[in-house]
């Protein structure tokens, strides 16, 4: 399943780092950030708990860019 989330990030480089952090999160099959649109598309692994996975994605993104936001 794929879902799109609104994000808040200051620069394209930070967005790229957030995208890599999201891709490495357990339960995420693929992730893509469109910096211009401030959107993150996440494709979840089969049977993954989307809410739990997104909480981890948010934590991992905040490790990269502490003032970023992923709106769930």
PDB file of N, CA and C in Angstrom:
ATOM      1  N   UNK A   1       0.835  -1.175   0.000  1.00  0.00           N
ATOM      2  CA  UNK A   1       0.000   0.000   0.000  1.00  0.00           C
ATOM      3  C   UNK A   1       0.882   1.241   0.000  1.00  0.00           C
ATOM      4  N   UNK A   2       0.465   2.251  -0.755  1.00  0.00           N
ATOM      5  CA  UNK A   2       1.182   3.524  -0.826  1.00  0.00           C
ATOM      6  C   UNK A   2       0.329   4.615  -0.198  1.00  0.00           C
ATOM      7  N   UNK A   3       1.002   5.506   0.527  1.00  0.00           N
ATOM      8  CA  UNK A   3       0.328   6.666   1.110  1.00  0.00           C
ATOM      9  C   UNK A   3       1.206   7.891   0.917  1.00  0.00           C
ATOM     10  N   UNK A   4       0.570   9.056   0.869  1.00  0.00           N
ATOM     11  CA  UNK A   4       1.283  10.316   0.729  1.00  0.00           C
ATOM     12  C   UNK A   4       1.091  11.142   1.996  1.00  0.00           C
ATOM     13  N   UNK A   5       2.187  11.731   2.460  1.00  0.00           N
ATOM     14  CA  UNK A   5       2.171  12.534   3.678  1.00  0.00           C
ATOM     15  C   UNK A   5       2.746  13.911   3.388  1.00  0.00           C
ATOM     16  N   UNK A   6       2.189  14.923   4.041  1.00  0.00           N
ATOM     17  CA  UNK A   6       2.712  16.280   3.935  1.00  0.00           C
ATOM     18  C   UNK A   6       3.923  16.366   4.865  1.00  0.00           C
ATOM     19  N   UNK A   7       4.970  17.020   4.383  1.00  0.00           N
ATOM     20  CA  UNK A   7       6.166  17.194   5.196  1.00  0.00           C
ATOM     21  C   UNK A   7       6.543  18.665   5.256  1.00  0.00           C
ATOM     22  N   UNK A   8       7.414  18.981   6.196  1.00  0.00           N
ATOM     23  CA  UNK A   8       7.959  20.322   6.314  1.00  0.00           C
ATOM     24  C   UNK A   8       9.468  20.166   6.485  1.00  0.00           C
ATOM     25  N   UNK A   9      10.215  20.645   5.495  1.00  0.00           N
ATOM     26  CA  UNK A   9      11.672  20.547   5.522  1.00  0.00           C
ATOM     27  C   UNK A   9      12.241  21.782   4.832  1.00  0.00           C
ATOM     28  N   UNK A  10      13.422  22.228   5.282  1.00  0.00           N
ATOM     29  CA  UNK A  10      13.963  23.510   4.835  1.00  0.00           C
ATOM     30  C   UNK A  10      14.781  23.475   3.543  1.00  0.00           C
ATOM     31  N   UNK A  11      15.427  22.357   3.251  1.00  0.00           N
ATOM     32  CA  UNK A  11      16.287  22.344   2.063  1.00  0.00           C
ATOM     33  C   UNK A  11      16.228  21.001   1.342  1.00  0.00           C
ATOM     34  N   UNK A  12      16.584  21.014   0.077  1.00  0.00           N
ATOM     35  CA  UNK A  12      16.534  19.807  -0.752  1.00  0.00           C
ATOM     36  C   UNK A  12      17.512  18.748  -0.257  1.00  0.00           C
ATOM     37  N   UNK A  13      18.677  19.156   0.220  1.00  0.00           N
ATOM     38  CA  UNK A  13      19.661  18.206   0.730  1.00  0.00           C
ATOM     39  C   UNK A  13      19.100  17.462   1.947  1.00  0.00           C
ATOM     40  N   UNK A  14      18.453  18.188   2.827  1.00  0.00           N
ATOM     41  CA  UNK A  14      17.841  17.563   4.010  1.00  0.00           C
ATOM     42  C   UNK A  14      16.724  16.603   3.574  1.00  0.00           C
ATOM     43  N   UNK A  15      15.968  16.992   2.564  1.00  0.00           N
ATOM     44  CA  UNK A  15      14.901  16.129   2.047  1.00  0.00           C
ATOM     45  C   UNK A  15      15.481  14.820   1.529  1.00  0.00           C
ATOM     46  N   UNK A  16      16.620  14.885   0.839  1.00  0.00           N
ATOM     47  CA  UNK A  16      17.273  13.675   0.346  1.00  0.00           C
ATOM     48  C   UNK A  16      17.709  12.777   1.495  1.00  0.00           C
ATOM     49  N   UNK A  17      18.251  13.377   2.542  1.00  0.00           N
ATOM     50  CA  UNK A  17      18.672  12.595   3.710  1.00  0.00           C
ATOM     51  C   UNK A  17      17.466  11.962   4.404  1.00  0.00           C
ATOM     52  N   UNK A  18      16.372  12.714   4.480  1.00  0.00           N
ATOM     53  CA  UNK A  18      15.145  12.174   5.074  1.00  0.00           C
ATOM     54  C   UNK A  18      14.618  11.003   4.254  1.00  0.00           C
ATOM     55  N   UNK A  19      14.681  11.122   2.932  1.00  0.00           N
ATOM     56  CA  UNK A  19      14.214  10.057   2.049  1.00  0.00           C
ATOM     57  C   UNK A  19      15.025   8.783   2.295  1.00  0.00           C
ATOM     58  N   UNK A  20      16.341   8.910   2.409  1.00  0.00           N
ATOM     59  CA  UNK A  20      17.192   7.744   2.675  1.00  0.00           C
ATOM     60  C   UNK A  20      16.876   7.132   4.038  1.00  0.00           C
ATOM     61  N   UNK A  21      16.660   7.983   5.039  1.00  0.00           N
ATOM     62  CA  UNK A  21      16.315   7.486   6.373  1.00  0.00           C
ATOM     63  C   UNK A  21      14.987   6.736   6.351  1.00  0.00           C
ATOM     64  N   UNK A  22      14.018   7.255   5.610  1.00  0.00           N
ATOM     65  CA  UNK A  22      12.710   6.601   5.503  1.00  0.00           C
ATOM     66  C   UNK A  22      12.838   5.252   4.818  1.00  0.00           C
ATOM     67  N   UNK A  23      13.645   5.181   3.758  1.00  0.00           N
ATOM     68  CA  UNK A  23      13.824   3.923   3.015  1.00  0.00           C
ATOM     69  C   UNK A  23      14.439   2.835   3.877  1.00  0.00           C
ATOM     70  N   UNK A  24      15.261   3.223   4.856  1.00  0.00           N
ATOM     71  CA  UNK A  24      15.948   2.254   5.715  1.00  0.00           C
ATOM     72  C   UNK A  24      15.090   1.806   6.894  1.00  0.00           C
ATOM     73  N   UNK A  25      13.915   2.378   7.051  1.00  0.00           N
ATOM     74  CA  UNK A  25      13.036   2.051   8.165  1.00  0.00           C
ATOM     75  C   UNK A  25      12.348   0.708   7.912  1.00  0.00           C
ATOM     76  N   UNK A  26      12.329  -0.134   8.941  1.00  0.00           N
ATOM     77  CA  UNK A  26      11.664  -1.440   8.842  1.00  0.00           C
ATOM     78  C   UNK A  26      10.188  -1.241   8.520  1.00  0.00           C
ATOM     79  N   UNK A  27       9.697  -2.006   7.552  1.00  0.00           N
ATOM     80  CA  UNK A  27       8.301  -1.904   7.156  1.00  0.00           C
ATOM     81  C   UNK A  27       8.070  -1.023   5.940  1.00  0.00           C
ATOM     82  N   UNK A  28       9.111  -0.302   5.512  1.00  0.00           N
ATOM     83  CA  UNK A  28       9.009   0.563   4.337  1.00  0.00           C
ATOM     84  C   UNK A  28       9.613  -0.164   3.137  1.00  0.00           C
ATOM     85  N   UNK A  29       8.810  -0.333   2.112  1.00  0.00           N
ATOM     86  CA  UNK A  29       9.288  -0.963   0.878  1.00  0.00           C
ATOM     87  C   UNK A  29      10.024   0.061   0.026  1.00  0.00           C
ATOM     88  N   UNK A  30       9.453   1.288  -0.062  1.00  0.00           N
ATOM     89  CA  UNK A  30      10.075   2.363  -0.818  1.00  0.00           C
ATOM     90  C   UNK A  30       9.545   3.696  -0.301  1.00  0.00           C
ATOM     91  N   UNK A  31      10.340   4.743  -0.481  1.00  0.00           N
ATOM     92  CA  UNK A  31       9.925   6.091  -0.072  1.00  0.00           C
ATOM     93  C   UNK A  31      10.487   7.088  -1.071  1.00  0.00           C
ATOM     94  N   UNK A  32       9.733   8.155  -1.293  1.00  0.00           N
ATOM     95  CA  UNK A  32      10.151   9.198  -2.220  1.00  0.00           C
ATOM     96  C   UNK A  32       9.671  10.534  -1.686  1.00  0.00           C
ATOM     97  N   UNK A  33      10.567  11.516  -1.679  1.00  0.00           N
ATOM     98  CA  UNK A  33      10.190  12.867  -1.238  1.00  0.00           C
ATOM     99  C   UNK A  33      10.275  13.818  -2.419  1.00  0.00           C
ATOM    100  N   UNK A  34       9.219  14.588  -2.596  1.00  0.00           N
ATOM    101  CA  UNK A  34       9.194  15.659  -3.584  1.00  0.00           C
ATOM    102  C   UNK A  34       9.357  16.959  -2.801  1.00  0.00           C
ATOM    103  N   UNK A  35      10.572  17.523  -2.832  1.00  0.00           N
ATOM    104  CA  UNK A  35      10.866  18.720  -2.048  1.00  0.00           C
ATOM    105  C   UNK A  35      10.019  19.910  -2.484  1.00  0.00           C
ATOM    106  N   UNK A  36       9.813  20.068  -3.784  1.00  0.00           N
ATOM    107  CA  UNK A  36       9.036  21.214  -4.276  1.00  0.00           C
ATOM    108  C   UNK A  36       7.581  21.165  -3.811  1.00  0.00           C
ATOM    109  N   UNK A  37       7.016  19.978  -3.738  1.00  0.00           N
ATOM    110  CA  UNK A  37       5.622  19.816  -3.312  1.00  0.00           C
ATOM    111  C   UNK A  37       5.498  19.586  -1.806  1.00  0.00           C
ATOM    112  N   UNK A  38       6.640  19.379  -1.130  1.00  0.00           N
ATOM    113  CA  UNK A  38       6.669  19.063   0.301  1.00  0.00           C
ATOM    114  C   UNK A  38       5.775  17.862   0.618  1.00  0.00           C
ATOM    115  N   UNK A  39       6.001  16.779  -0.137  1.00  0.00           N
ATOM    116  CA  UNK A  39       5.232  15.550   0.049  1.00  0.00           C
ATOM    117  C   UNK A  39       6.172  14.357   0.096  1.00  0.00           C
ATOM    118  N   UNK A  40       5.808  13.394   0.925  1.00  0.00           N
ATOM    119  CA  UNK A  40       6.541  12.135   1.026  1.00  0.00           C
ATOM    120  C   UNK A  40       5.587  11.011   0.664  1.00  0.00           C
ATOM    121  N   UNK A  41       5.981  10.201  -0.326  1.00  0.00           N
ATOM    122  CA  UNK A  41       5.207   9.015  -0.684  1.00  0.00           C
ATOM    123  C   UNK A  41       5.910   7.814  -0.083  1.00  0.00           C
ATOM    124  N   UNK A  42       5.149   7.005   0.630  1.00  0.00           N
ATOM    125  CA  UNK A  42       5.699   5.820   1.289  1.00  0.00           C
ATOM    126  C   UNK A  42       4.937   4.596   0.814  1.00  0.00           C
ATOM    127  N   UNK A  43       5.688   3.582   0.397  1.00  0.00           N
ATOM    128  CA  UNK A  43       5.105   2.286   0.060  1.00  0.00           C
ATOM    129  C   UNK A  43       5.494   1.333   1.174  1.00  0.00           C
ATOM    130  N   UNK A  44       4.490   0.715   1.779  1.00  0.00           N
ATOM    131  CA  UNK A  44       4.706  -0.150   2.931  1.00  0.00           C
ATOM    132  C   UNK A  44       4.896  -1.600   2.520  1.00  0.00           C
ATOM    133  N   UNK A  45       5.661  -2.333   3.335  1.00  0.00           N
ATOM    134  CA  UNK A  45       5.812  -3.775   3.150  1.00  0.00           C
ATOM    135  C   UNK A  45       4.448  -4.435   3.378  1.00  0.00           C
ATOM    136  N   UNK A  46       4.261  -5.588   2.779  1.00  0.00           N
ATOM    137  CA  UNK A  46       3.026  -6.363   2.942  1.00  0.00           C
ATOM    138  C   UNK A  46       2.799  -6.669   4.427  1.00  0.00           C
ATOM    139  N   UNK A  47       1.614  -6.336   4.934  1.00  0.00           N
ATOM    140  CA  UNK A  47       1.241  -6.645   6.315  1.00  0.00           C
ATOM    141  C   UNK A  47       1.802  -5.706   7.369  1.00  0.00           C
ATOM    142  N   UNK A  48       2.498  -4.653   6.960  1.00  0.00           N
ATOM    143  CA  UNK A  48       3.078  -3.712   7.927  1.00  0.00           C
ATOM    144  C   UNK A  48       1.989  -2.843   8.560  1.00  0.00           C
ATOM    145  N   UNK A  49       2.179  -2.509   9.831  1.00  0.00           N
ATOM    146  CA  UNK A  49       1.288  -1.587  10.541  1.00  0.00           C
ATOM    147  C   UNK A  49       1.698  -0.162  10.160  1.00  0.00           C
ATOM    148  N   UNK A  50       0.913   0.469   9.306  1.00  0.00           N
ATOM    149  CA  UNK A  50       1.275   1.781   8.756  1.00  0.00           C
ATOM    150  C   UNK A  50       1.541   2.825   9.837  1.00  0.00           C
ATOM    151  N   UNK A  51       0.701   2.869  10.861  1.00  0.00           N
ATOM    152  CA  UNK A  51       0.879   3.881  11.907  1.00  0.00           C
ATOM    153  C   UNK A  51       2.183   3.670  12.667  1.00  0.00           C
ATOM    154  N   UNK A  52       2.482   2.431  13.031  1.00  0.00           N
ATOM    155  CA  UNK A  52       3.720   2.129  13.758  1.00  0.00           C
ATOM    156  C   UNK A  52       4.939   2.424  12.886  1.00  0.00           C
ATOM    157  N   UNK A  53       4.873   2.041  11.621  1.00  0.00           N
ATOM    158  CA  UNK A  53       5.988   2.286  10.698  1.00  0.00           C
ATOM    159  C   UNK A  53       6.216   3.785  10.543  1.00  0.00           C
ATOM    160  N   UNK A  54       5.150   4.549  10.387  1.00  0.00           N
ATOM    161  CA  UNK A  54       5.300   5.994  10.194  1.00  0.00           C
ATOM    162  C   UNK A  54       5.834   6.688  11.446  1.00  0.00           C
ATOM    163  N   UNK A  55       5.534   6.163  12.622  1.00  0.00           N
ATOM    164  CA  UNK A  55       6.130   6.717  13.847  1.00  0.00           C
ATOM    165  C   UNK A  55       7.646   6.539  13.806  1.00  0.00           C
ATOM    166  N   UNK A  56       8.106   5.383  13.314  1.00  0.00           N
ATOM    167  CA  UNK A  56       9.542   5.127  13.187  1.00  0.00           C
ATOM    168  C   UNK A  56      10.158   5.987  12.086  1.00  0.00           C
ATOM    169  N   UNK A  57       9.439   6.152  10.977  1.00  0.00           N
ATOM    170  CA  UNK A  57       9.924   7.019   9.898  1.00  0.00           C
ATOM    171  C   UNK A  57      10.117   8.428  10.440  1.00  0.00           C
ATOM    172  N   UNK A  58       9.144   8.909  11.174  1.00  0.00           N
ATOM    173  CA  UNK A  58       9.224  10.256  11.750  1.00  0.00           C
ATOM    174  C   UNK A  58      10.445  10.387  12.660  1.00  0.00           C
ATOM    175  N   UNK A  59      10.666   9.387  13.536  1.00  0.00           N
ATOM    176  CA  UNK A  59      11.833   9.404  14.437  1.00  0.00           C
ATOM    177  C   UNK A  59      13.130   9.429  13.641  1.00  0.00           C
ATOM    178  N   UNK A  60      13.214   8.575  12.611  1.00  0.00           N
ATOM    179  CA  UNK A  60      14.434   8.499  11.805  1.00  0.00           C
ATOM    180  C   UNK A  60      14.681   9.798  11.036  1.00  0.00           C
ATOM    181  N   UNK A  61      13.627  10.414  10.545  1.00  0.00           N
ATOM    182  CA  UNK A  61      13.770  11.689   9.836  1.00  0.00           C
ATOM    183  C   UNK A  61      14.232  12.784  10.787  1.00  0.00           C
ATOM    184  N   UNK A  62      13.735  12.782  11.999  1.00  0.00           N
ATOM    185  CA  UNK A  62      14.121  13.800  12.979  1.00  0.00           C
ATOM    186  C   UNK A  62      15.579  13.631  13.414  1.00  0.00           C
ATOM    187  N   UNK A  63      16.116  12.414  13.315  1.00  0.00           N
ATOM    188  CA  UNK A  63      17.544  12.206  13.598  1.00  0.00           C
ATOM    189  C   UNK A  63      18.392  12.909  12.546  1.00  0.00           C
ATOM    190  N   UNK A  64      17.904  12.951  11.322  1.00  0.00           N
ATOM    191  CA  UNK A  64      18.613  13.586  10.211  1.00  0.00           C
ATOM    192  C   UNK A  64      18.436  15.100  10.260  1.00  0.00           C
ATOM    193  N   UNK A  65      17.212  15.541  10.456  1.00  0.00           N
ATOM    194  CA  UNK A  65      16.866  16.965  10.447  1.00  0.00           C
ATOM    195  C   UNK A  65      15.897  17.216  11.593  1.00  0.00           C
ATOM    196  N   UNK A  66      16.417  17.703  12.712  1.00  0.00           N
ATOM    197  CA  UNK A  66      15.625  17.796  13.944  1.00  0.00           C
ATOM    198  C   UNK A  66      14.398  18.704  13.829  1.00  0.00           C
ATOM    199  N   UNK A  67      14.438  19.702  12.940  1.00  0.00           N
ATOM    200  CA  UNK A  67      13.286  20.606  12.853  1.00  0.00           C
ATOM    201  C   UNK A  67      12.346  20.267  11.685  1.00  0.00           C
ATOM    202  N   UNK A  68      12.517  19.083  11.100  1.00  0.00           N
ATOM    203  CA  UNK A  68      11.591  18.644  10.039  1.00  0.00           C
ATOM    204  C   UNK A  68      10.287  18.162  10.669  1.00  0.00           C
ATOM    205  N   UNK A  69       9.286  18.012   9.844  1.00  0.00           N
ATOM    206  CA  UNK A  69       7.996  17.491  10.329  1.00  0.00           C
ATOM    207  C   UNK A  69       7.381  16.608   9.266  1.00  0.00           C
ATOM    208  N   UNK A  70       6.812  15.492   9.732  1.00  0.00           N
ATOM    209  CA  UNK A  70       6.042  14.592   8.877  1.00  0.00           C
ATOM    210  C   UNK A  70       4.661  14.568   9.488  1.00  0.00           C
ATOM    211  N   UNK A  71       3.681  15.036   8.752  1.00  0.00           N
ATOM    212  CA  UNK A  71       2.312  15.110   9.255  1.00  0.00           C
ATOM    213  C   UNK A  71       1.585  13.807   8.963  1.00  0.00           C
ATOM    214  N   UNK A  72       1.209  13.120  10.031  1.00  0.00           N
ATOM    215  CA  UNK A  72       0.550  11.819   9.891  1.00  0.00           C
ATOM    216  C   UNK A  72      -0.955  11.962   9.809  1.00  0.00           C
TER     217      UNK A  72
END
